[in-house]
């Protein structure tokens, strides 16, 4: 994927979606005393998936790229050390 393209909304499978909805519903009830219905909790989760999750996704990708770049640089230097003169 090239830079500058918008990441598609991240999707969860059905079991993950239900678990996320339950966690979010419980959190809102316990922390803020908000008793939202399923539709409202789904809207909040959709907002998080659409507007917030891509930032975490992109950060994870950048972290993985940096880790791999370091590993490949180390591997490259190890290969140069093995080269015969």
Protein backbone atom coordinates (compact mmCIF):
# COMPACT_ATOMS: atom_id res chain seq x y z
CA UNK A 1 0.00 0.00 0.00
CA UNK A 2 1.46 3.32 -0.96
CA UNK A 3 1.72 6.25 1.36
CA UNK A 4 -1.05 8.77 1.31
CA UNK A 5 -3.81 6.26 0.59
CA UNK A 6 -6.57 6.09 3.13
CA UNK A 7 -6.68 2.83 5.07
CA UNK A 8 -9.96 0.96 4.74
CA UNK A 9 -12.00 0.75 7.91
CA UNK A 10 -10.71 -2.07 10.04
CA UNK A 11 -13.16 -4.94 10.36
CA UNK A 12 -13.53 -7.51 13.12
CA UNK A 13 -14.99 -10.96 12.73
CA UNK A 14 -18.39 -11.56 14.35
CA UNK A 15 -17.00 -12.97 17.61
CA UNK A 16 -14.49 -10.13 17.97
CA UNK A 17 -17.21 -7.59 17.19
CA UNK A 18 -19.51 -8.99 19.89
CA UNK A 19 -16.69 -9.09 22.43
CA UNK A 20 -15.71 -5.49 21.63
CA UNK A 21 -19.32 -4.34 21.94
CA UNK A 22 -19.69 -6.03 25.33
CA UNK A 23 -16.42 -4.55 26.64
CA UNK A 24 -17.40 -1.08 25.42
CA UNK A 25 -20.93 -1.35 26.81
CA UNK A 26 -19.63 -2.50 30.21
CA UNK A 27 -16.99 0.22 30.28
CA UNK A 28 -19.49 2.98 29.52
CA UNK A 29 -21.89 1.67 32.17
CA UNK A 30 -19.28 1.23 34.90
CA UNK A 31 -17.14 4.29 34.23
CA UNK A 32 -19.71 6.87 33.12
CA UNK A 33 -23.01 5.33 34.26
CA UNK A 34 -24.21 5.37 30.65
CA UNK A 35 -26.66 2.64 29.81
CA UNK A 36 -26.63 2.64 26.03
CA UNK A 37 -28.54 0.29 23.78
CA UNK A 38 -26.92 -1.99 21.26
CA UNK A 39 -27.38 0.50 18.43
CA UNK A 40 -25.69 3.33 20.32
CA UNK A 41 -22.77 1.14 21.44
CA UNK A 42 -22.37 -0.04 17.83
CA UNK A 43 -22.20 3.61 16.72
CA UNK A 44 -19.44 4.33 19.27
CA UNK A 45 -17.50 1.25 18.15
CA UNK A 46 -17.93 2.26 14.50
CA UNK A 47 -16.54 5.71 15.32
CA UNK A 48 -13.54 4.18 17.07
CA UNK A 49 -12.97 1.78 14.16
CA UNK A 50 -13.26 4.52 11.57
CA UNK A 51 -11.47 7.44 13.26
CA UNK A 52 -9.11 6.08 15.94
CA UNK A 53 -8.13 2.49 15.09
CA UNK A 54 -6.34 3.45 11.84
CA UNK A 55 -3.88 5.57 13.85
CA UNK A 56 -2.98 2.57 16.01
CA UNK A 57 -2.78 0.37 12.92
CA UNK A 58 -0.45 2.79 11.15
CA UNK A 59 1.73 3.09 14.27
CA UNK A 60 2.00 -0.69 14.49
CA UNK A 61 3.00 -0.87 10.83
CA UNK A 62 5.63 1.86 11.31
CA UNK A 63 6.99 0.06 14.38
CA UNK A 64 7.19 -3.23 12.45
CA UNK A 65 8.95 -1.48 9.54
CA UNK A 66 11.51 0.05 11.90
CA UNK A 67 12.11 -3.29 13.63
CA UNK A 68 12.56 -5.07 10.31
CA UNK A 69 14.88 -2.33 9.01
CA UNK A 70 17.09 -2.77 12.09
CA UNK A 71 17.08 -6.56 11.74
CA UNK A 72 17.90 -6.41 8.02
CA UNK A 73 20.70 -3.91 8.65
CA UNK A 74 22.16 -6.26 11.25
CA UNK A 75 21.82 -9.22 8.89
CA UNK A 76 23.46 -7.26 6.09
CA UNK A 77 26.44 -6.38 8.27
CA UNK A 78 26.74 -10.04 9.34
CA UNK A 79 26.77 -11.09 5.68
CA UNK A 80 29.45 -8.53 4.85
CA UNK A 81 31.54 -9.92 7.72
CA UNK A 82 31.31 -13.41 6.17
CA UNK A 83 32.44 -12.23 2.76
CA UNK A 84 35.86 -13.53 1.69
CA UNK A 85 38.50 -11.11 0.51
